[in-house]
Structures are given as C-alpha cells and as structure tokens.
Amino acid sequence: LKIYLHASLSERARRRTIDKQLLGREVSPGEVARELARRDELDARVMQPAPDALLLDTDQLTPTEEVAWVLTHWHNRVNGDIAPQSS
C-alpha cells in the first residue's frame, strides 16, 4: 500500500509555526512558509508520488483522522475489497 501525503504550503507553514512556537522559538508564519517553499523547490524533482499511490490531502484532517484513513485503506487492501480511492 503506497500513500502519498499532501498538505498545502499554507497549512504546512501553519503547523510548523505552531510546532516551533511550542518549542519556545519565535518565528513568523511568513518566514516558515518561505523556508518550506525553498525546500519544496529542491524536493520537487525527486518527491513525486508513485503512479499507484493513494493521495491523501491532509489539510483538513487531524492526525487521528489521517491514521484512520490509512488503516481503512490498508484493511480494504488486505481483505481484497474494492481498490481504495484517493482523498
């Protein structure tokens, strides 16, 4: 089972900003977004989903919902249910 997780730049910047602030670091969302955009540019050439990967957009999901989605699709796959759809 191949799963490609995706989140928009703005959502990833929001999450990363919160993470850094919880560690006591003072950062701005704009600064974090610029860092992520630079990294995305470098990674874009090698970070492509496999043709048979399921795509999971995590923008509106909690970590618990993400895990539930993965487990549901894994369960469907191992039990031979209909091929799962991307979200």
C-alpha atoms as a PDB file:
ATOM      1  CA  LEU A   1       0.000   0.000   0.000  1.00  0.00           C
ATOM      2  CA  LYS A   2       1.552   3.260  -1.130  1.00  0.00           C
ATOM      3  CA  ILE A   3       0.250   6.503   0.281  1.00  0.00           C
ATOM      4  CA  TYR A   4       1.388   9.987  -0.653  1.00  0.00           C
ATOM      5  CA  LEU A   5       0.520  12.562   1.985  1.00  0.00           C
ATOM      6  CA  HIS A   6      -0.069  16.102   0.808  1.00  0.00           C
ATOM      7  CA  ALA A   7      -0.714  19.355   2.623  1.00  0.00           C
ATOM      8  CA  SER A   8      -0.766  22.838   1.143  1.00  0.00           C
ATOM      9  CA  LEU A   9       2.132  25.179   1.779  1.00  0.00           C
ATOM     10  CA  SER A  10      -0.047  27.418   3.940  1.00  0.00           C
ATOM     11  CA  GLU A  11      -1.216  24.506   6.092  1.00  0.00           C
ATOM     12  CA  ARG A  12       2.292  23.106   6.496  1.00  0.00           C
ATOM     13  CA  ALA A  13       3.563  26.574   7.437  1.00  0.00           C
ATOM     14  CA  ARG A  14       0.782  26.954   9.995  1.00  0.00           C
ATOM     15  CA  ARG A  15       1.589  23.575  11.551  1.00  0.00           C
ATOM     16  CA  ARG A  16       5.350  24.167  11.557  1.00  0.00           C
ATOM     17  CA  THR A  17       4.921  27.624  13.110  1.00  0.00           C
ATOM     18  CA  ILE A  18       2.888  26.129  15.955  1.00  0.00           C
ATOM     19  CA  ASP A  19       5.478  23.369  16.458  1.00  0.00           C
ATOM     20  CA  LYS A  20       8.336  25.882  16.662  1.00  0.00           C
ATOM     21  CA  GLN A  21       6.402  28.178  18.994  1.00  0.00           C
ATOM     22  CA  LEU A  22       5.678  25.246  21.308  1.00  0.00           C
ATOM     23  CA  LEU A  23       9.444  24.740  21.480  1.00  0.00           C
ATOM     24  CA  GLY A  24       9.834  28.371  22.551  1.00  0.00           C
ATOM     25  CA  ARG A  25      11.137  29.675  19.226  1.00  0.00           C
ATOM     26  CA  GLU A  26       9.916  32.990  17.896  1.00  0.00           C
ATOM     27  CA  VAL A  27       9.091  32.600  14.216  1.00  0.00           C
ATOM     28  CA  SER A  28       6.649  34.182  11.818  1.00  0.00           C
ATOM     29  CA  PRO A  29       4.360  32.153   9.574  1.00  0.00           C
ATOM     30  CA  GLY A  30       5.774  34.041   6.578  1.00  0.00           C
ATOM     31  CA  GLU A  31       9.337  33.085   7.479  1.00  0.00           C
ATOM     32  CA  VAL A  32       8.354  29.449   7.914  1.00  0.00           C
ATOM     33  CA  ALA A  33       6.432  29.469   4.607  1.00  0.00           C
ATOM     34  CA  ARG A  34       9.488  30.833   2.775  1.00  0.00           C
ATOM     35  CA  GLU A  35      11.699  28.099   4.272  1.00  0.00           C
ATOM     36  CA  LEU A  36       9.214  25.415   3.265  1.00  0.00           C
ATOM     37  CA  ALA A  37       8.813  26.852  -0.249  1.00  0.00           C
ATOM     38  CA  ARG A  38      12.598  26.742  -0.739  1.00  0.00           C
ATOM     39  CA  ARG A  39      12.697  23.147   0.426  1.00  0.00           C
ATOM     40  CA  ASP A  40       9.741  22.255  -1.793  1.00  0.00           C
ATOM     41  CA  GLU A  41      11.570  23.678  -4.782  1.00  0.00           C
ATOM     42  CA  LEU A  42      14.592  21.480  -4.073  1.00  0.00           C
ATOM     43  CA  ASP A  43      12.498  18.390  -3.356  1.00  0.00           C
ATOM     44  CA  ALA A  44      10.082  18.776  -6.289  1.00  0.00           C
ATOM     45  CA  ARG A  45      12.280  16.851  -8.696  1.00  0.00           C
ATOM     46  CA  VAL A  46      12.544  13.753  -6.525  1.00  0.00           C
ATOM     47  CA  MET A  47       9.381  13.837  -4.423  1.00  0.00           C
ATOM     48  CA  GLN A  48       6.703  12.566  -6.785  1.00  0.00           C
ATOM     49  CA  PRO A  49       4.012  10.083  -5.810  1.00  0.00           C
ATOM     50  CA  ALA A  50       4.283   6.604  -7.248  1.00  0.00           C
ATOM     51  CA  PRO A  51       1.776   6.074 -10.078  1.00  0.00           C
ATOM     52  CA  ASP A  52      -0.149   3.563  -7.962  1.00  0.00           C
ATOM     53  CA  ALA A  53      -0.046   5.565  -4.720  1.00  0.00           C
ATOM     54  CA  LEU A  54      -3.166   6.750  -2.954  1.00  0.00           C
ATOM     55  CA  LEU A  55      -3.169  10.515  -2.461  1.00  0.00           C
ATOM     56  CA  LEU A  56      -4.216  11.809   0.944  1.00  0.00           C
ATOM     57  CA  ASP A  57      -4.759  15.551   1.298  1.00  0.00           C
ATOM     58  CA  THR A  58      -4.241  16.239   4.994  1.00  0.00           C
ATOM     59  CA  ASP A  59      -5.168  19.945   5.037  1.00  0.00           C
ATOM     60  CA  GLN A  60      -8.479  19.413   6.834  1.00  0.00           C
ATOM     61  CA  LEU A  61      -7.609  16.252   8.773  1.00  0.00           C
ATOM     62  CA  THR A  62      -6.366  15.708  12.302  1.00  0.00           C
ATOM     63  CA  PRO A  63      -3.541  13.212  12.842  1.00  0.00           C
ATOM     64  CA  THR A  64      -6.116  10.756  14.216  1.00  0.00           C
ATOM     65  CA  GLU A  65      -8.230  11.114  11.064  1.00  0.00           C
ATOM     66  CA  GLU A  66      -5.163  10.571   8.893  1.00  0.00           C
ATOM     67  CA  VAL A  67      -4.316   7.339  10.712  1.00  0.00           C
ATOM     68  CA  ALA A  68      -7.933   6.161  10.457  1.00  0.00           C
ATOM     69  CA  TRP A  69      -7.910   6.829   6.696  1.00  0.00           C
ATOM     70  CA  VAL A  70      -4.684   4.863   6.251  1.00  0.00           C
ATOM     71  CA  LEU A  71      -5.924   1.954   8.370  1.00  0.00           C
ATOM     72  CA  THR A  72      -9.220   1.811   6.478  1.00  0.00           C
ATOM     73  CA  HIS A  73      -7.440   1.663   3.137  1.00  0.00           C
ATOM     74  CA  TRP A  74      -4.939  -0.879   4.414  1.00  0.00           C
ATOM     75  CA  HIS A  75      -7.780  -3.039   5.727  1.00  0.00           C
ATOM     76  CA  ASN A  76      -9.568  -2.802   2.364  1.00  0.00           C
ATOM     77  CA  ARG A  77      -6.398  -3.776   0.543  1.00  0.00           C
ATOM     78  CA  VAL A  78      -5.521  -6.809   2.677  1.00  0.00           C
ATOM     79  CA  ASN A  79      -9.104  -8.065   2.598  1.00  0.00           C
ATOM     80  CA  GLY A  80      -9.335  -7.764  -1.169  1.00  0.00           C
ATOM     81  CA  ASP A  81     -12.089  -5.167  -1.085  1.00  0.00           C
ATOM     82  CA  ILE A  82     -12.579  -2.786  -3.968  1.00  0.00           C
ATOM     83  CA  ALA A  83      -9.469  -0.743  -4.707  1.00  0.00           C
ATOM     84  CA  PRO A  84      -9.486   2.308  -2.434  1.00  0.00           C
ATOM     85  CA  GLN A  85      -9.928   5.796  -3.799  1.00  0.00           C
ATOM     86  CA  SER A  86      -7.687   8.745  -3.116  1.00  0.00           C
ATOM     87  CA  SER A  87      -8.883  11.506  -0.841  1.00  0.00           C
END
